[in-house]
Amino acid sequence: MTFRMEDKGKIESIKFSPDLRVLAVQRSQTTVEFINFIEGMDVMEYSQACKGKSTRILGFNWTGLNEIVFVTDHGLELYQVLPEKRTLKPIKTHNTVVNWLSACLIATYKTYKYGQLYVVVLRHQPRVGGQPNAEVCLYQLHRESPARKTDVLRLEMSGRFAVNVVDSLLVVHHQTSQTSMVFDIRLAKDSDGYVNYHHPVCPPLSIKSFTFQLPIAPTHLPNETTETQCDLYSSNWVVFQPNIVIDAKWGCLWTVQLNLQPMINMFPDKLKLMDFLLQRSDSKMTVLTVCLLALSPGPQQCGLRTISQLYDKLNAIYKDHLDSKSQGAEAVAPSTSQVVVDQSDMYTYVLSRFVDSIDASGNYKFVVAVLIDYIRSLNQNRIHVQHYLYELLINTLVQNGCFYQLHQMMQYHVLSDSKHLACLLLSLESVYPPAHQLALDMLKRLSTANEEIIEVLLSTHQLFSALRFVKTVGQVDQISARKFLEVALSTENNQLFYTVFKFFEQRNLRLRGRPDFPKGEHCESYVKHFESLYGSEALGQPLQT
């Protein structure tokens, strides 16, 4: 963004609203001016003066997309900014004597501190031996009640510190050790019943080094540059919220970001690691990597109990996401956004890859247990299981000859009935003949698959079974005579063809009072075949047994 402002005097402070739609500028001790950037820079400015003729503004901070607080020597003044009307509306005034202002007010947005507003204060506390020991205190702000200290970050160091907020994490930079500590106030903590005490989620680490190109001295060619290493944790650094670092010496600005992939090896507790990752934005692929490592042979493989708990964490969020979608577009969005890992993600990036990595001599029992437990977790969270997960499990059982286990799962309904699953069972008939009956039983239980059952029976030339099924479901009058006669003819069993032909003659007689087939059914070729076998005088005669 590039813009030019009219020179109206020295600027004491200048801050954009978090959505970059309004710029607040303080040039005097009594007034803050505002410029809209809704559709480009607005030439019309508007301003707000503090209360009282003798009141001085010590500073201001945005506390919301359209909320701003003036810190004066007489207290706090909270305003609502109305950009469209180019005015401010007073919300609340709190009178108290303020001698100085030195605090970082961290904004209240979903990508920051879990949707909550905090004042962050760095304090140096004495400890045993007289050595200073720093800590960061978090005071949660409420609209209708006083601020309350809720969290303390244990730094276990002393010296110069600076704080950034990155993806709802507090990152505390320590100049002396040239390291940064990462804190997550959502993770497990110690508590005295009033305040939560936190330690870094991983060992202190240094910011990744950075090099940039600078022009060489003026005596050289103008296009010549030299590679310069940035001084990390320099005394020239100035830190701004939420995640900005400026090097005043080099005139460079950076944003601090988090690289999640290396953190996988920094959490020995995979459940705690999952809790951490699920709260981070754009962490889905890292989450899936952790899931795959937890299954695969190696130092990071987990036991079934831990794997089960990982599944439940993922599917609890997945269920909340599905419930929110079912409520429609008007549903209220959650205050924080968690990563959603659905069945397709797990199948594509974890389970199918895990199954493929286990060869025939591998521990297929563990593979089957892993797949069943993921299905168990979905069912427990009342999430409909997609057919491709069942297919993966069934194929694994078949490839390892576990037909008895497959039969047991079908009989005890471990796998939910579906047309997809029934079709898969039918395809296994050549390697496991009972799969055919299992598929038929499943289709019957569905009660919405009558046509599919008839097709299955016809495909295996079970014409009598198909006719009996048609009678039981009351569809004798609707079925196609031509389809049944075609299958009967293909069997080359004349007696079977005769019986099927007479069945439909009797249906014609009952429906239309005549045994012959209407032209619309296109059965002429089958009538001729019947005549060639039994003569025309046999047409319309009762069934001979």
Protein backbone atom coordinates (compact mmCIF):
# COMPACT_ATOMS: atom_id res chain seq x y z
CA MET A 1 0.00 0.00 0.00
CA THR A 2 1.38 3.39 -0.99
CA PHE A 3 -0.23 6.72 -0.14
CA ARG A 4 0.69 10.35 0.47
CA MET A 5 -0.69 12.46 3.32
CA GLU A 6 -0.91 16.21 3.59
CA ASP A 7 1.76 17.61 5.91
CA LYS A 8 -0.11 18.90 8.95
CA GLY A 9 2.72 18.72 11.43
CA LYS A 10 4.75 16.16 13.31
CA ILE A 11 3.14 12.73 13.71
CA GLU A 12 3.21 11.37 17.27
CA SER A 13 1.62 7.99 16.42
CA ILE A 14 0.06 6.36 13.37
CA LYS A 15 -1.78 3.02 13.29
CA PHE A 16 -4.03 1.20 10.84
CA SER A 17 -7.10 -0.68 12.00
CA PRO A 18 -6.53 -4.46 11.81
CA ASP A 19 -8.45 -4.74 8.54
CA LEU A 20 -6.49 -1.80 7.01
CA ARG A 21 -9.70 0.12 6.34
CA VAL A 22 -9.08 3.07 8.67
CA LEU A 23 -5.87 4.92 9.50
CA ALA A 24 -5.60 6.71 12.87
CA VAL A 25 -3.07 9.55 13.17
CA GLN A 26 -2.15 11.48 16.33
CA ARG A 27 -0.48 14.85 15.78
CA SER A 28 -1.46 16.59 19.00
CA GLN A 29 -2.06 15.70 22.63
CA THR A 30 -5.81 16.30 22.38
CA THR A 31 -7.01 14.88 19.06
CA VAL A 32 -6.72 11.77 16.88
CA GLU A 33 -7.50 12.10 13.17
CA PHE A 34 -8.91 9.36 10.94
CA ILE A 35 -8.64 8.58 7.21
CA ASN A 36 -10.73 5.91 5.46
CA PHE A 37 -9.13 3.45 3.03
CA ILE A 38 -12.29 1.54 2.11
CA GLU A 39 -11.97 2.14 -1.66
CA GLY A 40 -8.68 3.89 -1.90
CA MET A 41 -7.62 6.81 0.26
CA ASP A 42 -10.48 9.11 1.26
CA VAL A 43 -9.62 12.80 0.89
CA MET A 44 -12.06 13.72 3.69
CA GLU A 45 -10.57 13.26 7.16
CA TYR A 46 -12.47 13.22 10.44
CA SER A 47 -11.24 13.52 14.02
CA GLN A 48 -12.08 12.82 17.64
CA ALA A 49 -10.97 14.95 20.58
CA CYS A 50 -10.50 13.51 24.05
CA LYS A 51 -12.85 14.43 26.89
CA GLY A 52 -11.99 17.49 28.98
CA LYS A 53 -10.08 20.63 28.13
CA SER A 54 -7.09 19.73 30.32
CA THR A 55 -6.91 16.08 29.25
CA ARG A 56 -3.86 14.85 27.31
CA ILE A 57 -3.73 11.75 25.07
CA LEU A 58 -0.75 9.58 26.02
CA GLY A 59 -1.43 7.04 23.28
CA PHE A 60 -4.10 4.98 21.54
CA ASN A 61 -4.68 1.42 20.36
CA TRP A 62 -7.13 -0.39 18.13
CA THR A 63 -8.99 -2.97 20.21
CA GLY A 64 -11.21 -4.31 17.43
CA LEU A 65 -12.00 -3.85 13.76
CA ASN A 66 -14.01 -0.71 14.59
CA GLU A 67 -13.03 -0.02 18.20
CA ILE A 68 -10.27 2.24 19.45
CA VAL A 69 -9.18 3.25 22.98
CA PHE A 70 -7.54 6.56 23.92
CA VAL A 71 -5.20 6.33 26.91
CA THR A 72 -5.18 9.75 28.55
CA ASP A 73 -3.71 11.18 31.73
CA HIS A 74 -7.24 11.03 33.15
CA GLY A 75 -8.04 7.40 32.20
CA LEU A 76 -9.36 5.37 29.27
CA GLU A 77 -11.82 6.43 26.58
CA LEU A 78 -13.32 3.71 24.35
CA TYR A 79 -14.88 4.68 21.01
CA GLN A 80 -16.64 2.92 18.17
CA VAL A 81 -15.36 4.05 14.77
CA LEU A 82 -18.07 4.49 12.11
CA PRO A 83 -16.14 4.83 8.82
CA GLU A 84 -19.19 5.21 6.58
CA LYS A 85 -20.47 8.14 8.68
CA ARG A 86 -16.95 9.53 9.24
CA THR A 87 -17.49 9.85 12.96
CA LEU A 88 -16.80 8.15 16.30
CA LYS A 89 -19.32 7.08 18.93
CA PRO A 90 -18.31 7.13 22.62
CA ILE A 91 -18.79 3.74 24.27
CA LYS A 92 -17.26 3.95 27.72
CA THR A 93 -15.00 6.16 29.84
CA HIS A 94 -12.97 4.93 32.80
CA ASN A 95 -11.47 7.64 35.00
CA THR A 96 -8.18 6.94 36.72
CA VAL A 97 -4.88 8.76 37.12
CA VAL A 98 -2.40 7.61 34.44
CA ASN A 99 1.20 8.78 34.81
CA TRP A 100 2.76 6.80 31.97
CA LEU A 101 1.87 4.33 29.23
CA SER A 102 4.04 1.29 28.47
CA ALA A 103 2.08 -1.71 27.28
CA CYS A 104 1.45 -3.77 24.19
CA LEU A 105 -2.26 -4.05 23.46
CA ILE A 106 -2.79 -7.15 21.36
CA ALA A 107 -5.77 -7.17 19.04
CA THR A 108 -8.75 -9.50 19.39
CA TYR A 109 -9.06 -11.48 16.18
CA LYS A 110 -9.40 -15.15 15.43
CA THR A 111 -5.86 -15.44 14.11
CA TYR A 112 -4.32 -13.91 17.20
CA LYS A 113 -4.82 -14.99 20.83
CA TYR A 114 -7.77 -17.37 20.29
CA GLY A 115 -10.25 -14.53 19.83
CA GLN A 116 -9.51 -12.93 23.23
CA LEU A 117 -8.18 -9.49 24.08
CA TYR A 118 -5.16 -9.28 26.37
CA VAL A 119 -2.76 -6.72 27.75
CA VAL A 120 0.75 -8.20 27.82
CA VAL A 121 3.11 -6.93 30.51
CA LEU A 122 6.77 -7.90 30.93
CA ARG A 123 7.92 -8.02 34.55
CA HIS A 124 11.31 -8.70 36.13
CA GLN A 125 10.80 -10.54 39.40
CA PRO A 126 13.51 -11.18 42.03
CA ARG A 127 14.25 -14.82 42.74
CA VAL A 128 16.36 -16.85 45.12
CA GLY A 129 19.94 -15.59 45.06
CA GLY A 130 18.93 -12.10 44.04
CA GLN A 131 19.09 -12.77 40.31
CA PRO A 132 16.29 -11.18 38.26
CA ASN A 133 13.85 -13.55 36.63
CA ALA A 134 11.49 -12.27 33.95
CA GLU A 135 7.94 -13.33 33.26
CA VAL A 136 5.19 -12.19 30.94
CA CYS A 137 1.79 -11.55 32.53
CA LEU A 138 -1.39 -11.70 30.47
CA TYR A 139 -4.38 -9.65 31.57
CA GLN A 140 -7.60 -10.56 29.81
CA LEU A 141 -9.81 -7.57 29.07
CA HIS A 142 -13.60 -7.65 29.33
CA ARG A 143 -16.08 -5.09 28.13
CA GLU A 144 -18.17 -5.00 31.28
CA SER A 145 -15.70 -5.97 34.01
CA PRO A 146 -12.15 -5.11 35.11
CA ALA A 147 -9.12 -6.74 33.51
CA ARG A 148 -8.01 -9.96 35.20
CA LYS A 149 -4.62 -11.62 35.21
CA THR A 150 -5.20 -15.07 33.71
CA ASP A 151 -1.82 -16.37 32.51
CA VAL A 152 1.86 -16.07 33.29
CA LEU A 153 4.64 -17.12 30.92
CA ARG A 154 7.71 -18.42 32.74
CA LEU A 155 10.79 -17.15 30.87
CA GLU A 156 13.50 -18.38 33.29
CA MET A 157 15.80 -15.69 31.87
CA SER A 158 16.61 -12.04 32.36
CA GLY A 159 17.62 -9.27 30.00
CA ARG A 160 15.94 -7.54 27.06
CA PHE A 161 12.79 -9.13 25.66
CA ALA A 162 10.29 -8.42 22.89
CA VAL A 163 6.97 -10.12 22.15
CA ASN A 164 5.21 -11.08 18.92
CA VAL A 165 1.93 -12.87 18.35
CA VAL A 166 2.10 -15.47 15.57
CA ASP A 167 -0.89 -17.66 14.76
CA SER A 168 -2.34 -17.32 18.29
CA LEU A 169 1.07 -18.13 19.81
CA LEU A 170 3.13 -15.78 21.95
CA VAL A 171 6.72 -15.63 20.70
CA VAL A 172 9.08 -14.05 23.24
CA HIS A 173 12.44 -12.92 21.78
CA HIS A 174 15.45 -12.80 24.13
CA GLN A 175 18.30 -10.60 22.96
CA THR A 176 21.08 -11.95 25.20
CA SER A 177 20.71 -15.61 24.21
CA GLN A 178 19.54 -14.72 20.69
CA THR A 179 16.69 -17.19 20.98
CA SER A 180 12.90 -17.09 20.88
CA MET A 181 10.45 -18.96 23.09
CA VAL A 182 7.04 -20.14 21.86
CA PHE A 183 4.08 -20.25 24.25
CA ASP A 184 0.61 -21.68 23.64
CA ILE A 185 -1.89 -20.72 26.35
CA ARG A 186 -4.27 -23.46 25.18
CA LEU A 187 -1.91 -26.32 26.04
CA ALA A 188 -1.62 -28.02 29.42
CA LYS A 189 -0.45 -25.70 32.17
CA ASP A 190 0.08 -25.41 35.92
CA SER A 191 -2.55 -23.51 37.83
CA ASP A 192 -3.12 -22.20 41.34
CA GLY A 193 -6.85 -21.96 40.72
CA TYR A 194 -6.65 -18.31 39.63
CA VAL A 195 -3.72 -17.97 37.24
CA ASN A 196 -2.33 -20.43 34.68
CA TYR A 197 1.46 -20.78 34.45
CA HIS A 198 3.06 -21.77 31.16
CA HIS A 199 6.44 -22.95 29.94
CA PRO A 200 7.64 -22.89 26.29
CA VAL A 201 6.14 -25.63 24.13
CA CYS A 202 9.59 -26.44 22.76
CA PRO A 203 13.21 -25.56 23.58
CA PRO A 204 14.26 -21.94 22.84
CA LEU A 205 15.24 -21.59 19.20
CA SER A 206 16.85 -18.91 17.10
CA ILE A 207 15.10 -17.16 14.24
CA LYS A 208 16.28 -18.48 10.88
CA SER A 209 19.17 -16.43 9.52
CA PHE A 210 18.52 -14.05 6.66
CA THR A 211 20.75 -12.58 3.96
CA PHE A 212 19.95 -9.77 1.55
CA GLN A 213 21.66 -7.92 -1.30
CA LEU A 214 22.97 -4.39 -0.71
CA PRO A 215 24.68 -2.07 -3.24
CA ILE A 216 28.45 -1.73 -2.92
CA ALA A 217 30.06 1.64 -2.17
CA PRO A 218 29.29 4.43 -4.72
CA THR A 219 32.74 4.18 -6.31
CA HIS A 220 31.76 0.84 -7.87
CA LEU A 221 29.35 0.10 -10.66
CA PRO A 222 25.75 0.95 -9.68
CA ASN A 223 24.41 -2.56 -10.35
CA GLU A 224 26.99 -4.31 -8.17
CA THR A 225 25.65 -5.72 -4.89
CA THR A 226 27.06 -7.60 -1.97
CA GLU A 227 25.41 -10.29 0.16
CA THR A 228 24.89 -9.08 3.71
CA GLN A 229 23.98 -11.22 6.72
CA CYS A 230 21.24 -9.78 8.89
CA ASP A 231 22.17 -9.36 12.55
CA LEU A 232 19.65 -11.40 14.48
CA TYR A 233 18.22 -9.95 17.72
CA SER A 234 20.00 -6.69 17.03
CA SER A 235 19.69 -3.70 19.34
CA ASN A 236 18.43 -1.89 16.25
CA TRP A 237 15.32 -4.07 16.14
CA VAL A 238 11.91 -2.58 16.83
CA VAL A 239 9.03 -5.03 17.33
CA PHE A 240 5.42 -4.25 16.42
CA GLN A 241 2.26 -6.30 16.80
CA PRO A 242 1.24 -8.75 15.79
CA ASN A 243 4.30 -10.27 14.08
CA ILE A 244 6.43 -7.44 12.67
CA VAL A 245 10.15 -6.84 13.22
CA ILE A 246 11.86 -3.72 11.85
CA ASP A 247 15.62 -3.24 11.66
CA ALA A 248 16.13 0.50 11.96
CA LYS A 249 19.77 0.27 10.82
CA TRP A 250 19.09 -1.49 7.51
CA GLY A 251 15.60 -0.11 6.95
CA CYS A 252 14.12 -3.59 6.57
CA LEU A 253 10.80 -4.99 7.78
CA TRP A 254 10.05 -8.66 8.39
CA THR A 255 7.08 -10.70 9.51
CA VAL A 256 7.75 -13.54 11.94
CA GLN A 257 6.30 -16.86 10.81
CA LEU A 258 6.20 -20.36 12.24
CA ASN A 259 7.67 -23.39 10.48
CA LEU A 260 5.63 -26.31 11.80
CA GLN A 261 7.34 -29.27 10.14
CA PRO A 262 10.51 -29.30 12.33
CA MET A 263 8.35 -29.11 15.46
CA ILE A 264 7.17 -32.68 14.90
CA ASN A 265 10.39 -33.96 16.47
CA MET A 266 10.22 -31.53 19.40
CA PHE A 267 7.13 -33.06 21.04
CA PRO A 268 7.70 -36.50 22.56
CA ASP A 269 3.99 -36.56 23.45
CA LYS A 270 2.08 -37.04 20.17
CA LEU A 271 -1.27 -36.14 21.76
CA LYS A 272 0.12 -32.84 22.97
CA LEU A 273 1.66 -32.27 19.55
CA MET A 274 -1.72 -32.87 17.91
CA ASP A 275 -3.41 -30.41 20.28
CA PHE A 276 -0.80 -27.85 19.31
CA LEU A 277 -1.05 -28.42 15.54
CA LEU A 278 -4.84 -28.47 15.37
CA GLN A 279 -4.93 -24.87 16.62
CA ARG A 280 -2.56 -23.60 13.94
CA SER A 281 -3.69 -22.24 10.61
CA ASP A 282 -2.48 -24.04 7.45
CA SER A 283 -1.27 -27.01 9.49
CA LYS A 284 -3.32 -29.74 7.80
CA MET A 285 -0.43 -31.36 5.93
CA THR A 286 1.69 -31.35 9.10
CA VAL A 287 -1.17 -32.97 11.01
CA LEU A 288 -1.45 -35.67 8.33
CA THR A 289 2.31 -36.23 8.45
CA VAL A 290 2.08 -36.82 12.20
CA CYS A 291 -0.77 -39.30 11.67
CA LEU A 292 1.25 -41.26 9.10
CA LEU A 293 4.37 -41.31 11.31
CA ALA A 294 2.26 -42.55 14.23
CA LEU A 295 1.24 -45.60 12.14
CA SER A 296 4.43 -46.38 10.23
CA PRO A 297 7.25 -48.54 11.64
CA GLY A 298 9.93 -46.36 13.17
CA PRO A 299 10.82 -44.35 16.28
CA GLN A 300 7.65 -42.26 16.08
CA GLN A 301 5.21 -45.16 15.72
CA CYS A 302 2.53 -45.12 18.43
CA GLY A 303 0.53 -47.82 20.14
CA LEU A 304 -3.12 -48.46 19.31
CA ARG A 305 -4.34 -46.60 22.39
CA THR A 306 -2.55 -43.41 21.36
CA ILE A 307 -3.63 -43.83 17.74
CA SER A 308 -7.22 -44.19 18.92
CA GLN A 309 -6.96 -40.95 20.91
CA LEU A 310 -5.48 -39.16 17.89
CA TYR A 311 -8.42 -40.28 15.76
CA ASP A 312 -10.90 -39.06 18.37
CA LYS A 313 -9.29 -35.61 18.50
CA LEU A 314 -9.48 -35.29 14.71
CA ASN A 315 -13.04 -36.56 14.41
CA ALA A 316 -14.42 -34.43 17.23
CA ILE A 317 -13.39 -31.34 15.24
CA TYR A 318 -14.59 -32.97 12.01
CA LYS A 319 -18.02 -33.57 13.60
CA ASP A 320 -18.27 -29.94 14.79
CA HIS A 321 -17.42 -28.82 11.27
CA LEU A 322 -20.12 -31.00 9.73
CA ASP A 323 -22.67 -29.76 12.27
CA SER A 324 -21.79 -26.15 11.46
CA LYS A 325 -22.23 -26.81 7.74
CA SER A 326 -25.59 -28.46 8.32
CA GLN A 327 -26.83 -25.33 10.10
CA GLY A 328 -26.42 -23.33 6.89
CA ALA A 329 -24.75 -20.05 6.02
CA GLU A 330 -26.44 -18.20 8.89
CA ALA A 331 -24.73 -20.32 11.53
CA VAL A 332 -22.49 -18.38 13.89
CA ALA A 333 -18.81 -18.99 13.14
CA PRO A 334 -16.70 -20.34 16.02
CA SER A 335 -14.41 -17.91 17.82
CA THR A 336 -11.36 -19.88 16.76
CA SER A 337 -10.65 -21.85 13.64
CA GLN A 338 -9.31 -25.38 14.02
CA VAL A 339 -7.91 -27.54 11.25
CA VAL A 340 -10.48 -29.98 9.86
CA VAL A 341 -9.17 -33.36 8.68
CA ASP A 342 -11.92 -35.27 6.90
CA GLN A 343 -12.16 -38.89 5.70
CA SER A 344 -10.87 -38.04 2.25
CA ASP A 345 -7.74 -36.45 3.75
CA MET A 346 -7.08 -39.45 5.97
CA TYR A 347 -7.66 -41.93 3.15
CA THR A 348 -5.49 -40.11 0.60
CA TYR A 349 -2.54 -39.01 2.73
CA VAL A 350 -2.45 -41.49 5.62
CA LEU A 351 -4.39 -44.77 5.51
CA SER A 352 -3.90 -45.76 1.87
CA ARG A 353 -0.21 -44.88 2.02
CA PHE A 354 0.17 -46.80 5.26
CA VAL A 355 -1.51 -49.91 3.78
CA ASP A 356 0.63 -49.69 0.62
CA SER A 357 3.80 -49.49 2.71
CA ILE A 358 3.07 -52.80 4.45
CA ASP A 359 4.08 -55.72 2.24
CA ALA A 360 2.67 -59.23 2.36
CA SER A 361 5.01 -60.20 5.17
CA GLY A 362 4.10 -57.15 7.23
CA ASN A 363 1.97 -56.99 10.33
CA TYR A 364 -1.41 -57.04 8.62
CA LYS A 365 -3.18 -57.53 11.98
CA PHE A 366 -1.94 -54.11 13.06
CA VAL A 367 -3.09 -52.65 9.73
CA VAL A 368 -6.57 -54.12 10.17
CA ALA A 369 -6.73 -52.87 13.75
CA VAL A 370 -5.75 -49.34 12.63
CA LEU A 371 -8.43 -49.26 9.92
CA ILE A 372 -11.15 -50.65 12.19
CA ASP A 373 -10.32 -48.15 14.89
CA TYR A 374 -10.61 -45.19 12.51
CA ILE A 375 -14.02 -46.48 11.42
CA ARG A 376 -14.90 -46.93 15.12
CA SER A 377 -13.99 -43.30 15.82
CA LEU A 378 -16.13 -42.04 12.93
CA ASN A 379 -19.11 -44.08 14.12
CA GLN A 380 -18.62 -42.92 17.68
CA ASN A 381 -18.83 -39.32 16.49
CA ARG A 382 -21.91 -40.15 14.40
CA ILE A 383 -20.13 -39.47 11.11
CA HIS A 384 -21.24 -41.44 8.04
CA VAL A 385 -18.36 -43.66 6.91
CA GLN A 386 -17.48 -43.33 3.23
CA HIS A 387 -17.39 -46.50 1.16
CA TYR A 388 -13.72 -46.19 0.18
CA LEU A 389 -12.68 -46.79 3.80
CA TYR A 390 -14.66 -50.03 3.89
CA GLU A 391 -13.11 -51.04 0.57
CA LEU A 392 -9.63 -50.45 1.95
CA LEU A 393 -10.37 -52.64 4.97
CA ILE A 394 -12.03 -55.43 2.97
CA ASN A 395 -9.25 -55.52 0.37
CA THR A 396 -6.68 -55.77 3.17
CA LEU A 397 -8.56 -58.70 4.72
CA VAL A 398 -8.94 -60.48 1.36
CA GLN A 399 -5.31 -59.99 0.37
CA ASN A 400 -4.25 -61.63 3.62
CA GLY A 401 -6.81 -64.45 3.40
CA CYS A 402 -8.77 -63.26 6.44
CA PHE A 403 -12.13 -64.47 5.13
CA TYR A 404 -13.38 -65.63 8.51
CA GLN A 405 -12.81 -62.16 10.02
CA LEU A 406 -14.54 -60.58 7.00
CA HIS A 407 -17.54 -62.90 7.42
CA GLN A 408 -17.75 -62.06 11.13
CA MET A 409 -17.66 -58.32 10.43
CA MET A 410 -20.49 -58.67 7.95
CA GLN A 411 -22.64 -60.83 10.20
CA TYR A 412 -22.21 -58.57 13.24
CA HIS A 413 -22.59 -55.37 11.19
CA VAL A 414 -19.19 -53.95 12.05
CA LEU A 415 -19.32 -52.45 8.56
CA SER A 416 -22.41 -50.43 7.72
CA ASP A 417 -24.66 -51.67 4.93
CA SER A 418 -24.42 -49.86 1.59
CA LYS A 419 -24.84 -50.57 -2.11
CA HIS A 420 -21.14 -49.82 -2.69
CA LEU A 421 -20.13 -52.38 -0.11
CA ALA A 422 -22.55 -54.98 -1.46
CA CYS A 423 -21.12 -54.56 -4.96
CA LEU A 424 -17.62 -55.01 -3.58
CA LEU A 425 -18.67 -58.24 -1.87
CA LEU A 426 -20.16 -59.50 -5.12
CA SER A 427 -16.85 -58.92 -6.87
CA LEU A 428 -15.17 -61.21 -4.31
CA GLU A 429 -17.33 -64.24 -5.08
CA SER A 430 -14.60 -65.88 -7.17
CA VAL A 431 -12.17 -65.89 -4.23
CA TYR A 432 -14.75 -66.26 -1.46
CA PRO A 433 -18.07 -67.78 -2.62
CA PRO A 434 -20.04 -66.92 0.59
CA ALA A 435 -19.47 -63.23 -0.24
CA HIS A 436 -22.31 -63.52 -2.77
CA GLN A 437 -24.88 -64.37 -0.11
CA LEU A 438 -23.45 -61.75 2.24
CA ALA A 439 -24.00 -59.15 -0.48
CA LEU A 440 -27.60 -60.28 -1.07
CA ASP A 441 -28.37 -60.19 2.64
CA MET A 442 -26.97 -56.67 2.82
CA LEU A 443 -29.03 -55.47 -0.13
CA LYS A 444 -32.18 -56.94 1.44
CA ARG A 445 -31.48 -55.10 4.70
CA LEU A 446 -31.15 -51.83 2.82
CA SER A 447 -34.77 -52.19 1.53
CA THR A 448 -33.99 -49.60 -1.13
CA ALA A 449 -31.97 -51.89 -3.38
CA ASN A 450 -34.63 -54.18 -4.88
CA GLU A 451 -33.54 -53.49 -8.43
CA GLU A 452 -29.93 -54.18 -7.54
CA ILE A 453 -30.86 -57.50 -5.92
CA ILE A 454 -32.76 -58.58 -9.03
CA GLU A 455 -29.80 -57.64 -11.23
CA VAL A 456 -27.44 -59.60 -9.01
CA LEU A 457 -29.62 -62.72 -9.12
CA LEU A 458 -30.04 -62.48 -12.88
CA SER A 459 -26.31 -62.00 -13.40
CA THR A 460 -25.74 -65.37 -11.72
CA HIS A 461 -28.66 -67.07 -13.55
CA GLN A 462 -30.64 -67.53 -10.31
CA LEU A 463 -33.92 -67.00 -12.11
CA PHE A 464 -36.16 -68.86 -9.68
CA SER A 465 -34.64 -66.94 -6.76
CA ALA A 466 -35.17 -63.70 -8.67
CA LEU A 467 -38.83 -64.53 -9.35
CA ARG A 468 -39.43 -65.48 -5.73
CA PHE A 469 -37.83 -62.20 -4.58
CA VAL A 470 -39.98 -60.23 -7.03
CA LYS A 471 -43.10 -61.83 -5.52
CA THR A 472 -42.04 -61.06 -1.94
CA VAL A 473 -41.54 -57.36 -2.69
CA GLY A 474 -44.71 -57.07 -4.77
CA GLN A 475 -43.08 -56.08 -8.06
CA VAL A 476 -44.34 -58.87 -10.33
CA ASP A 477 -46.40 -56.47 -12.41
CA GLN A 478 -43.54 -54.01 -12.95
CA ILE A 479 -40.58 -56.19 -13.94
CA SER A 480 -39.41 -56.59 -17.55
CA ALA A 481 -40.36 -59.95 -19.10
CA ARG A 482 -37.79 -59.43 -21.85
CA LYS A 483 -34.91 -59.18 -19.32
CA PHE A 484 -35.87 -62.45 -17.62
CA LEU A 485 -36.45 -64.29 -20.91
CA GLU A 486 -33.08 -63.10 -22.22
CA VAL A 487 -31.29 -64.58 -19.21
CA ALA A 488 -33.33 -67.80 -19.40
CA LEU A 489 -32.40 -68.22 -23.08
CA SER A 490 -28.71 -67.62 -22.34
CA THR A 491 -28.66 -70.55 -19.89
CA GLU A 492 -29.46 -72.99 -22.77
CA ASN A 493 -31.72 -74.80 -20.30
CA ASN A 494 -34.96 -75.43 -22.19
CA GLN A 495 -36.92 -76.44 -19.10
CA LEU A 496 -35.88 -73.23 -17.33
CA PHE A 497 -36.80 -71.15 -20.37
CA TYR A 498 -40.20 -72.91 -20.55
CA THR A 499 -40.97 -72.17 -16.87
CA VAL A 500 -40.02 -68.49 -17.11
CA PHE A 501 -41.99 -68.07 -20.37
CA LYS A 502 -45.12 -69.57 -18.80
CA PHE A 503 -44.71 -67.37 -15.70
CA PHE A 504 -45.01 -64.26 -17.81
CA GLU A 505 -47.83 -65.70 -19.94
CA GLN A 506 -49.81 -66.12 -16.73
CA ARG A 507 -48.98 -62.51 -15.77
CA ASN A 508 -50.25 -61.33 -19.21
CA LEU A 509 -53.46 -63.28 -18.77
CA ARG A 510 -54.04 -61.80 -15.33
CA LEU A 511 -53.26 -58.20 -16.35
CA ARG A 512 -54.86 -58.08 -19.85
CA GLY A 513 -57.02 -61.18 -20.13
CA ARG A 514 -54.79 -62.61 -22.91
CA PRO A 515 -51.58 -64.71 -22.64
CA ASP A 516 -49.75 -63.10 -25.57
CA PHE A 517 -47.08 -60.44 -25.06
CA PRO A 518 -47.80 -56.81 -26.02
CA LYS A 519 -45.59 -55.34 -28.76
CA GLY A 520 -44.14 -52.82 -26.39
CA GLU A 521 -42.29 -55.52 -24.48
CA HIS A 522 -40.33 -56.63 -27.61
CA CYS A 523 -40.58 -60.34 -26.81
CA GLU A 524 -41.24 -61.57 -30.39
CA SER A 525 -37.92 -63.39 -30.69
CA TYR A 526 -38.56 -65.31 -27.47
CA VAL A 527 -42.06 -66.29 -28.63
CA LYS A 528 -40.56 -67.71 -31.85
CA HIS A 529 -37.98 -69.63 -29.86
CA PHE A 530 -40.71 -71.09 -27.66
CA GLU A 531 -42.65 -72.16 -30.78
CA SER A 532 -39.55 -73.80 -32.21
CA LEU A 533 -39.20 -75.85 -29.05
CA TYR A 534 -42.78 -76.71 -28.15
CA GLY A 535 -44.93 -75.74 -31.16
CA SER A 536 -47.45 -72.94 -31.51
CA GLU A 537 -50.19 -75.03 -29.88
CA ALA A 538 -48.28 -74.79 -26.58
CA LEU A 539 -48.71 -71.00 -26.53
CA GLY A 540 -51.25 -69.89 -23.97
CA GLN A 541 -51.59 -73.36 -22.47
CA PRO A 542 -51.31 -73.88 -18.71
CA LEU A 543 -47.90 -74.69 -17.27
CA GLN A 544 -47.08 -78.41 -17.67
CA THR A 545 -45.04 -79.88 -14.84
